[in-house]
C-alpha atoms as a PDB file:
ATOM      1  CA  MET A   1      16.340   7.686 -14.842  1.00  0.00           C
ATOM      2  CA  THR A   2      15.253   4.796 -12.213  1.00  0.00           C
ATOM      3  CA  ASP A   3      11.733   3.315 -12.986  1.00  0.00           C
ATOM      4  CA  ARG A   4       9.374   3.987 -10.643  1.00  0.00           C
ATOM      5  CA  ARG A   5       8.475   0.374 -10.253  1.00  0.00           C
ATOM      6  CA  GLN A   6      11.508  -0.191  -8.665  1.00  0.00           C
ATOM      7  CA  LEU A   7      11.134   1.857  -5.822  1.00  0.00           C
ATOM      8  CA  GLY A   8       7.762   0.844  -5.078  1.00  0.00           C
ATOM      9  CA  LEU A   9       5.805   3.613  -5.660  1.00  0.00           C
ATOM     10  CA  THR A  10       2.849   2.392  -7.829  1.00  0.00           C
ATOM     11  CA  ASP A  11       0.579  -0.511  -6.794  1.00  0.00           C
ATOM     12  CA  VAL A  12       0.986  -0.907  -3.411  1.00  0.00           C
ATOM     13  CA  SER A  13      -0.905  -2.960  -1.338  1.00  0.00           C
ATOM     14  CA  ALA A  14      -2.171  -1.969   2.173  1.00  0.00           C
ATOM     15  CA  SER A  15      -1.659  -5.462   3.512  1.00  0.00           C
ATOM     16  CA  ALA A  16       1.426  -7.484   4.008  1.00  0.00           C
ATOM     17  CA  THR A  17       0.971  -9.576   0.528  1.00  0.00           C
ATOM     18  CA  PRO A  18       2.812  -8.083  -2.654  1.00  0.00           C
ATOM     19  CA  ALA A  19       0.821  -5.678  -4.676  1.00  0.00           C
ATOM     20  CA  ALA A  20      -1.712  -7.559  -7.130  1.00  0.00           C
ATOM     21  CA  PRO A  21      -1.409  -7.027 -11.331  1.00  0.00           C
ATOM     22  CA  ALA A  22      -3.494  -4.424 -12.108  1.00  0.00           C
ATOM     23  CA  SER A  23      -5.812  -7.206 -13.702  1.00  0.00           C
ATOM     24  CA  GLN A  24      -6.099  -8.503 -10.477  1.00  0.00           C
ATOM     25  CA  ALA A  25      -6.821  -5.490  -8.358  1.00  0.00           C
ATOM     26  CA  PRO A  26      -9.083  -6.185  -4.988  1.00  0.00           C
ATOM     27  CA  ALA A  27     -12.897  -6.749  -5.675  1.00  0.00           C
ATOM     28  CA  SER A  28     -13.230  -4.171  -3.896  1.00  0.00           C
ATOM     29  CA  ALA A  29     -16.527  -2.523  -3.749  1.00  0.00           C
ATOM     30  CA  VAL A  30     -15.584   1.234  -3.434  1.00  0.00           C
ATOM     31  CA  THR A  31     -12.595   3.232  -4.181  1.00  0.00           C
ATOM     32  CA  GLU A  32     -11.789   6.804  -3.047  1.00  0.00           C
ATOM     33  CA  GLU A  33      -9.295   8.859  -4.580  1.00  0.00           C
ATOM     34  CA  LEU A  34      -7.623  11.514  -2.797  1.00  0.00           C
ATOM     35  CA  LEU A  35      -4.790  14.025  -3.072  1.00  0.00           C
ATOM     36  CA  VAL A  36      -2.421  14.885  -0.939  1.00  0.00           C
ATOM     37  CA  THR A  37       0.937  17.289  -0.659  1.00  0.00           C
ATOM     38  CA  GLY A  38       4.340  17.666   0.799  1.00  0.00           C
ATOM     39  CA  MET A  39       5.169  13.566   0.067  1.00  0.00           C
ATOM     40  CA  THR A  40       8.445  13.262  -1.697  1.00  0.00           C
ATOM     41  CA  CYS A  41       9.775   9.882  -0.926  1.00  0.00           C
ATOM     42  CA  ALA A  42       9.049   6.217  -0.518  1.00  0.00           C
ATOM     43  CA  HIS A  43       9.102   7.005   3.203  1.00  0.00           C
ATOM     44  CA  CYS A  44       6.409   9.202   2.627  1.00  0.00           C
ATOM     45  CA  VAL A  45       4.462   6.604   0.802  1.00  0.00           C
ATOM     46  CA  ALA A  46       5.058   4.186   3.085  1.00  0.00           C
ATOM     47  CA  SER A  47       3.923   6.551   6.311  1.00  0.00           C
ATOM     48  CA  VAL A  48       0.537   7.521   4.625  1.00  0.00           C
ATOM     49  CA  ARG A  49      -0.066   3.734   3.246  1.00  0.00           C
ATOM     50  CA  GLU A  50       0.486   2.761   7.105  1.00  0.00           C
ATOM     51  CA  GLU A  51      -2.161   5.489   8.764  1.00  0.00           C
ATOM     52  CA  LEU A  52      -4.432   4.090   6.122  1.00  0.00           C
ATOM     53  CA  ALA A  53      -4.292   0.963   6.506  1.00  0.00           C
ATOM     54  CA  GLU A  54      -5.246   1.257  10.374  1.00  0.00           C
ATOM     55  CA  ILE A  55      -8.840   2.214   8.703  1.00  0.00           C
ATOM     56  CA  ASP A  56     -11.551  -0.559   9.541  1.00  0.00           C
ATOM     57  CA  GLY A  57     -12.259  -1.708   6.014  1.00  0.00           C
ATOM     58  CA  VAL A  58      -9.353  -0.550   4.196  1.00  0.00           C
ATOM     59  CA  GLU A  59      -8.343  -3.493   1.911  1.00  0.00           C
ATOM     60  CA  ALA A  60      -5.488  -1.761  -0.613  1.00  0.00           C
ATOM     61  CA  VAL A  61      -3.669   1.875  -0.804  1.00  0.00           C
ATOM     62  CA  SER A  62      -1.964   2.086  -4.159  1.00  0.00           C
ATOM     63  CA  VAL A  63       0.125   5.645  -4.451  1.00  0.00           C
ATOM     64  CA  ASP A  64       0.981   7.812  -7.331  1.00  0.00           C
ATOM     65  CA  LEU A  65       3.893   9.388  -5.863  1.00  0.00           C
ATOM     66  CA  VAL A  66       4.248  13.076  -7.494  1.00  0.00           C
ATOM     67  CA  ALA A  67       7.755  14.419  -5.305  1.00  0.00           C
ATOM     68  CA  GLY A  68       6.998  17.783  -4.132  1.00  0.00           C
ATOM     69  CA  GLY A  69       3.573  17.973  -6.207  1.00  0.00           C
ATOM     70  CA  THR A  70      -0.050  16.538  -5.535  1.00  0.00           C
ATOM     71  CA  SER A  71       0.222  12.778  -5.298  1.00  0.00           C
ATOM     72  CA  HIS A  72      -2.601  10.559  -6.114  1.00  0.00           C
ATOM     73  CA  VAL A  73      -4.132   8.127  -3.090  1.00  0.00           C
ATOM     74  CA  THR A  74      -6.507   5.513  -3.945  1.00  0.00           C
ATOM     75  CA  VAL A  75      -7.916   3.260  -1.413  1.00  0.00           C
ATOM     76  CA  HIS A  76      -9.838   0.576  -1.763  1.00  0.00           C
ATOM     77  CA  SER A  77     -12.704  -0.844   0.798  1.00  0.00           C
ATOM     78  CA  ALA A  78     -15.761  -3.210   0.968  1.00  0.00           C
ATOM     79  CA  THR A  79     -17.839   0.004   2.106  1.00  0.00           C
ATOM     80  CA  ARG A  80     -18.059   3.537   1.871  1.00  0.00           C
ATOM     81  CA  LEU A  81     -15.315   4.783   4.650  1.00  0.00           C
ATOM     82  CA  ASP A  82     -15.639   7.395   7.099  1.00  0.00           C
ATOM     83  CA  ASP A  83     -13.994  10.643   5.407  1.00  0.00           C
ATOM     84  CA  ASP A  84     -13.199  12.270   8.214  1.00  0.00           C
ATOM     85  CA  ALA A  85     -11.021   9.380   9.137  1.00  0.00           C
ATOM     86  CA  LEU A  86      -9.017   9.520   5.453  1.00  0.00           C
ATOM     87  CA  THR A  87      -7.861  13.107   6.108  1.00  0.00           C
ATOM     88  CA  ALA A  88      -6.963  12.209   9.886  1.00  0.00           C
ATOM     89  CA  ALA A  89      -4.939   9.440   8.458  1.00  0.00           C
ATOM     90  CA  ILE A  90      -2.944  11.509   6.130  1.00  0.00           C
ATOM     91  CA  GLU A  91      -2.231  14.614   8.655  1.00  0.00           C
ATOM     92  CA  GLU A  92      -1.503  12.202  11.225  1.00  0.00           C
ATOM     93  CA  ALA A  93       1.222  10.492   8.607  1.00  0.00           C
ATOM     94  CA  GLY A  94       2.101  14.351   8.479  1.00  0.00           C
ATOM     95  CA  TYR A  95       0.759  15.512   5.113  1.00  0.00           C
ATOM     96  CA  THR A  96      -2.208  17.420   3.551  1.00  0.00           C
ATOM     97  CA  ARG A  97      -5.013  16.100   2.031  1.00  0.00           C
ATOM     98  CA  VAL A  98      -6.215  18.432  -0.980  1.00  0.00           C
ATOM     99  CA  SER A  99      -9.517  18.865  -2.594  1.00  0.00           C
ATOM    100  CA  ALA A 100      -9.980  18.043  -6.482  1.00  0.00           C
END
């Protein structure tokens, strides 16, 4: 079985720099936890990350991929982000945001 870290499916930063270890996570004031369906692979993860990273104020994005199920997407920012903008970014990537 391939380790999820080898595939780059967790702790993925929205910036061009490598993801920081959990102990060095961004000192963001706000963390948004989103549930997303429809993602099945690393390309899906990259698409969602790219769209969310385009939102002003997004500092980092991490994805815990559950292929074919409900994946957990965490968005870090300095201030609260517009909920509609988060949903629109996920839909632009081709996926569906679901309620908890």
